[in-house]
Amino acid sequence: MSVKKSFALRVDSKIMEAIEKWAAGEFRSINGQIEWMLYNYLKQSKRLKEKEKNKN
């Protein structure tokens, strides 16, 4: 299991509203949605290799 790190994140209110709606539609928490979005973007841009996805 990977270790999760926490940090503060400031987001524009319109962006946050869109993320909240998207998360609700996907039955995810807002945190889970943001993590999913980041993971998919990193994978798509080939900045995250399959082996690295479970590392910190």
PDB file of N, CA and C in Angstrom:
ATOM      1  N   MET A   1       0.834  -1.171   0.000  1.00  0.00           N
ATOM      2  CA  MET A   1       0.000   0.000   0.000  1.00  0.00           C
ATOM      3  C   MET A   1       0.887   1.245   0.000  1.00  0.00           C
ATOM      4  N   SER A   2       0.520   2.226  -0.794  1.00  0.00           N
ATOM      5  CA  SER A   2       1.322   3.443  -0.880  1.00  0.00           C
ATOM      6  C   SER A   2       1.014   4.388   0.275  1.00  0.00           C
ATOM      7  N   VAL A   3       1.994   5.194   0.589  1.00  0.00           N
ATOM      8  CA  VAL A   3       1.833   6.195   1.633  1.00  0.00           C
ATOM      9  C   VAL A   3       1.230   7.436   0.988  1.00  0.00           C
ATOM     10  N   LYS A   4       0.208   7.989   1.602  1.00  0.00           N
ATOM     11  CA  LYS A   4      -0.430   9.191   1.073  1.00  0.00           C
ATOM     12  C   LYS A   4       0.085  10.401   1.819  1.00  0.00           C
ATOM     13  N   LYS A   5       0.329  11.463   1.084  1.00  0.00           N
ATOM     14  CA  LYS A   5       0.792  12.714   1.670  1.00  0.00           C
ATOM     15  C   LYS A   5      -0.322  13.736   1.548  1.00  0.00           C
ATOM     16  N   SER A   6      -0.471  14.569   2.546  1.00  0.00           N
ATOM     17  CA  SER A   6      -1.509  15.598   2.496  1.00  0.00           C
ATOM     18  C   SER A   6      -0.870  16.966   2.303  1.00  0.00           C
ATOM     19  N   PHE A   7      -1.632  17.877   1.706  1.00  0.00           N
ATOM     20  CA  PHE A   7      -1.173  19.245   1.498  1.00  0.00           C
ATOM     21  C   PHE A   7      -2.394  20.130   1.257  1.00  0.00           C
ATOM     22  N   ALA A   8      -2.239  21.414   1.502  1.00  0.00           N
ATOM     23  CA  ALA A   8      -3.319  22.369   1.267  1.00  0.00           C
ATOM     24  C   ALA A   8      -3.365  22.700  -0.227  1.00  0.00           C
ATOM     25  N   LEU A   9      -4.563  22.881  -0.736  1.00  0.00           N
ATOM     26  CA  LEU A   9      -4.731  23.193  -2.154  1.00  0.00           C
ATOM     27  C   LEU A   9      -5.747  24.314  -2.290  1.00  0.00           C
ATOM     28  N   ARG A  10      -5.352  25.389  -2.936  1.00  0.00           N
ATOM     29  CA  ARG A  10      -6.276  26.494  -3.210  1.00  0.00           C
ATOM     30  C   ARG A  10      -6.767  26.338  -4.639  1.00  0.00           C
ATOM     31  N   VAL A  11      -8.097  26.369  -4.802  1.00  0.00           N
ATOM     32  CA  VAL A  11      -8.700  26.172  -6.116  1.00  0.00           C
ATOM     33  C   VAL A  11      -9.765  27.237  -6.320  1.00  0.00           C
ATOM     34  N   ASP A  12      -9.835  27.758  -7.522  1.00  0.00           N
ATOM     35  CA  ASP A  12     -10.872  28.709  -7.888  1.00  0.00           C
ATOM     36  C   ASP A  12     -12.252  28.102  -7.619  1.00  0.00           C
ATOM     37  N   SER A  13     -13.184  28.910  -7.147  1.00  0.00           N
ATOM     38  CA  SER A  13     -14.501  28.392  -6.756  1.00  0.00           C
ATOM     39  C   SER A  13     -15.252  27.747  -7.919  1.00  0.00           C
ATOM     40  N   LYS A  14     -15.120  28.257  -9.122  1.00  0.00           N
ATOM     41  CA  LYS A  14     -15.793  27.662 -10.288  1.00  0.00           C
ATOM     42  C   LYS A  14     -15.208  26.286 -10.609  1.00  0.00           C
ATOM     43  N   ILE A  15     -13.897  26.160 -10.481  1.00  0.00           N
ATOM     44  CA  ILE A  15     -13.246  24.860 -10.701  1.00  0.00           C
ATOM     45  C   ILE A  15     -13.704  23.870  -9.639  1.00  0.00           C
ATOM     46  N   MET A  16     -13.767  24.322  -8.395  1.00  0.00           N
ATOM     47  CA  MET A  16     -14.189  23.443  -7.306  1.00  0.00           C
ATOM     48  C   MET A  16     -15.628  22.976  -7.499  1.00  0.00           C
ATOM     49  N   GLU A  17     -16.493  23.854  -7.919  1.00  0.00           N
ATOM     50  CA  GLU A  17     -17.888  23.475  -8.180  1.00  0.00           C
ATOM     51  C   GLU A  17     -17.961  22.399  -9.261  1.00  0.00           C
ATOM     52  N   ALA A  18     -17.180  22.570 -10.320  1.00  0.00           N
ATOM     53  CA  ALA A  18     -17.174  21.586 -11.404  1.00  0.00           C
ATOM     54  C   ALA A  18     -16.655  20.238 -10.910  1.00  0.00           C
ATOM     55  N   ILE A  19     -15.610  20.255 -10.087  1.00  0.00           N
ATOM     56  CA  ILE A  19     -15.059  19.014  -9.538  1.00  0.00           C
ATOM     57  C   ILE A  19     -16.069  18.347  -8.614  1.00  0.00           C
ATOM     58  N   GLU A  20     -16.745  19.140  -7.784  1.00  0.00           N
ATOM     59  CA  GLU A  20     -17.765  18.588  -6.881  1.00  0.00           C
ATOM     60  C   GLU A  20     -18.877  17.887  -7.655  1.00  0.00           C
ATOM     61  N   LYS A  21     -19.356  18.521  -8.731  1.00  0.00           N
ATOM     62  CA  LYS A  21     -20.425  17.924  -9.551  1.00  0.00           C
ATOM     63  C   LYS A  21     -19.940  16.648 -10.226  1.00  0.00           C
ATOM     64  N   TRP A  22     -18.710  16.690 -10.751  1.00  0.00           N
ATOM     65  CA  TRP A  22     -18.142  15.526 -11.418  1.00  0.00           C
ATOM     66  C   TRP A  22     -17.984  14.384 -10.429  1.00  0.00           C
ATOM     67  N   ALA A  23     -17.468  14.690  -9.248  1.00  0.00           N
ATOM     68  CA  ALA A  23     -17.268  13.666  -8.217  1.00  0.00           C
ATOM     69  C   ALA A  23     -18.597  13.026  -7.823  1.00  0.00           C
ATOM     70  N   ALA A  24     -19.615  13.847  -7.649  1.00  0.00           N
ATOM     71  CA  ALA A  24     -20.943  13.315  -7.285  1.00  0.00           C
ATOM     72  C   ALA A  24     -21.471  12.387  -8.374  1.00  0.00           C
ATOM     73  N   GLY A  25     -21.272  12.768  -9.628  1.00  0.00           N
ATOM     74  CA  GLY A  25     -21.723  11.942 -10.749  1.00  0.00           C
ATOM     75  C   GLY A  25     -20.974  10.625 -10.871  1.00  0.00           C
ATOM     76  N   GLU A  26     -19.761  10.576 -10.352  1.00  0.00           N
ATOM     77  CA  GLU A  26     -18.936   9.372 -10.405  1.00  0.00           C
ATOM     78  C   GLU A  26     -18.957   8.593  -9.086  1.00  0.00           C
ATOM     79  N   PHE A  27     -19.751   9.086  -8.115  1.00  0.00           N
ATOM     80  CA  PHE A  27     -19.842   8.472  -6.776  1.00  0.00           C
ATOM     81  C   PHE A  27     -18.486   8.407  -6.083  1.00  0.00           C
ATOM     82  N   ARG A  28     -17.714   9.501  -6.215  1.00  0.00           N
ATOM     83  CA  ARG A  28     -16.419   9.617  -5.547  1.00  0.00           C
ATOM     84  C   ARG A  28     -16.455  10.802  -4.595  1.00  0.00           C
ATOM     85  N   SER A  29     -15.536  10.788  -3.641  1.00  0.00           N
ATOM     86  CA  SER A  29     -15.334  11.977  -2.814  1.00  0.00           C
ATOM     87  C   SER A  29     -14.605  13.010  -3.665  1.00  0.00           C
ATOM     88  N   ILE A  30     -14.616  14.241  -3.236  1.00  0.00           N
ATOM     89  CA  ILE A  30     -13.893  15.286  -3.961  1.00  0.00           C
ATOM     90  C   ILE A  30     -12.404  14.950  -3.985  1.00  0.00           C
ATOM     91  N   ASN A  31     -11.877  14.528  -2.850  1.00  0.00           N
ATOM     92  CA  ASN A  31     -10.462  14.149  -2.777  1.00  0.00           C
ATOM     93  C   ASN A  31     -10.163  12.996  -3.735  1.00  0.00           C
ATOM     94  N   GLY A  32     -11.020  11.995  -3.734  1.00  0.00           N
ATOM     95  CA  GLY A  32     -10.842  10.857  -4.629  1.00  0.00           C
ATOM     96  C   GLY A  32     -10.905  11.267  -6.084  1.00  0.00           C
ATOM     97  N   GLN A  33     -11.787  12.209  -6.404  1.00  0.00           N
ATOM     98  CA  GLN A  33     -11.906  12.689  -7.783  1.00  0.00           C
ATOM     99  C   GLN A  33     -10.649  13.420  -8.217  1.00  0.00           C
ATOM    100  N   ILE A  34     -10.124  14.289  -7.359  1.00  0.00           N
ATOM    101  CA  ILE A  34      -8.908  15.030  -7.687  1.00  0.00           C
ATOM    102  C   ILE A  34      -7.735  14.069  -7.869  1.00  0.00           C
ATOM    103  N   GLU A  35      -7.630  13.084  -6.992  1.00  0.00           N
ATOM    104  CA  GLU A  35      -6.557  12.098  -7.111  1.00  0.00           C
ATOM    105  C   GLU A  35      -6.685  11.314  -8.412  1.00  0.00           C
ATOM    106  N   TRP A  36      -7.904  10.921  -8.758  1.00  0.00           N
ATOM    107  CA  TRP A  36      -8.165  10.194 -10.002  1.00  0.00           C
ATOM    108  C   TRP A  36      -7.797  11.052 -11.214  1.00  0.00           C
ATOM    109  N   MET A  37      -8.167  12.341 -11.181  1.00  0.00           N
ATOM    110  CA  MET A  37      -7.855  13.263 -12.272  1.00  0.00           C
ATOM    111  C   MET A  37      -6.351  13.407 -12.455  1.00  0.00           C
ATOM    112  N   LEU A  38      -5.641  13.609 -11.350  1.00  0.00           N
ATOM    113  CA  LEU A  38      -4.189  13.759 -11.417  1.00  0.00           C
ATOM    114  C   LEU A  38      -3.531  12.490 -11.952  1.00  0.00           C
ATOM    115  N   TYR A  39      -3.955  11.345 -11.440  1.00  0.00           N
ATOM    116  CA  TYR A  39      -3.388  10.070 -11.884  1.00  0.00           C
ATOM    117  C   TYR A  39      -3.586   9.883 -13.388  1.00  0.00           C
ATOM    118  N   ASN A  40      -4.809  10.129 -13.864  1.00  0.00           N
ATOM    119  CA  ASN A  40      -5.085   9.937 -15.292  1.00  0.00           C
ATOM    120  C   ASN A  40      -4.310  10.912 -16.161  1.00  0.00           C
ATOM    121  N   TYR A  41      -4.165  12.144 -15.720  1.00  0.00           N
ATOM    122  CA  TYR A  41      -3.392  13.114 -16.498  1.00  0.00           C
ATOM    123  C   TYR A  41      -1.914  12.716 -16.551  1.00  0.00           C
ATOM    124  N   LEU A  42      -1.370  12.289 -15.424  1.00  0.00           N
ATOM    125  CA  LEU A  42       0.033  11.859 -15.395  1.00  0.00           C
ATOM    126  C   LEU A  42       0.251  10.640 -16.288  1.00  0.00           C
ATOM    127  N   LYS A  43      -0.677   9.716 -16.256  1.00  0.00           N
ATOM    128  CA  LYS A  43      -0.583   8.516 -17.084  1.00  0.00           C
ATOM    129  C   LYS A  43      -0.697   8.877 -18.567  1.00  0.00           C
ATOM    130  N   GLN A  44      -1.651   9.739 -18.901  1.00  0.00           N
ATOM    131  CA  GLN A  44      -1.866  10.164 -20.283  1.00  0.00           C
ATOM    132  C   GLN A  44      -0.657  10.901 -20.845  1.00  0.00           C
ATOM    133  N   SER A  45      -0.020  11.706 -20.017  1.00  0.00           N
ATOM    134  CA  SER A  45       1.133  12.481 -20.476  1.00  0.00           C
ATOM    135  C   SER A  45       2.441  11.690 -20.368  1.00  0.00           C
ATOM    136  N   LYS A  46       2.303  10.409 -19.994  1.00  0.00           N
ATOM    137  CA  LYS A  46       3.441   9.495 -19.875  1.00  0.00           C
ATOM    138  C   LYS A  46       4.479   9.972 -18.863  1.00  0.00           C
ATOM    139  N   ARG A  47       4.017  10.606 -17.818  1.00  0.00           N
ATOM    140  CA  ARG A  47       4.895  11.057 -16.740  1.00  0.00           C
ATOM    141  C   ARG A  47       4.821  10.114 -15.542  1.00  0.00           C
ATOM    142  N   LEU A  48       3.972   9.121 -15.640  1.00  0.00           N
ATOM    143  CA  LEU A  48       3.824   8.139 -14.576  1.00  0.00           C
ATOM    144  C   LEU A  48       3.836   6.766 -15.216  1.00  0.00           C
ATOM    145  N   LYS A  49       4.862   6.002 -14.905  1.00  0.00           N
ATOM    146  CA  LYS A  49       4.942   4.653 -15.436  1.00  0.00           C
ATOM    147  C   LYS A  49       4.088   3.738 -14.590  1.00  0.00           C
ATOM    148  N   GLU A  50       3.648   2.640 -15.154  1.00  0.00           N
ATOM    149  CA  GLU A  50       2.785   1.693 -14.457  1.00  0.00           C
ATOM    150  C   GLU A  50       3.410   1.215 -13.150  1.00  0.00           C
ATOM    151  N   LYS A  51       4.729   1.008 -13.126  1.00  0.00           N
ATOM    152  CA  LYS A  51       5.426   0.548 -11.929  1.00  0.00           C
ATOM    153  C   LYS A  51       5.420   1.603 -10.831  1.00  0.00           C
ATOM    154  N   GLU A  52       5.390   2.889 -11.201  1.00  0.00           N
ATOM    155  CA  GLU A  52       5.492   3.979 -10.246  1.00  0.00           C
ATOM    156  C   GLU A  52       4.162   4.334  -9.594  1.00  0.00           C
ATOM    157  N   LYS A  53       3.044   3.865 -10.105  1.00  0.00           N
ATOM    158  CA  LYS A  53       1.756   4.325  -9.626  1.00  0.00           C
ATOM    159  C   LYS A  53       1.505   3.994  -8.157  1.00  0.00           C
ATOM    160  N   ASN A  54       2.151   2.994  -7.605  1.00  0.00           N
ATOM    161  CA  ASN A  54       1.955   2.644  -6.206  1.00  0.00           C
ATOM    162  C   ASN A  54       3.045   3.181  -5.285  1.00  0.00           C
ATOM    163  N   LYS A  55       3.968   3.948  -5.832  1.00  0.00           N
ATOM    164  CA  LYS A  55       5.024   4.549  -5.013  1.00  0.00           C
ATOM    165  C   LYS A  55       4.564   5.904  -4.524  1.00  0.00           C
ATOM    166  N   ASN A  56       5.268   6.485  -3.522  1.00  0.00           N
ATOM    167  CA  ASN A  56       4.894   7.792  -2.969  1.00  0.00           C
ATOM    168  C   ASN A  56       5.005   8.832  -4.020  1.00  0.00           C
TER     169      ASN A  56
END
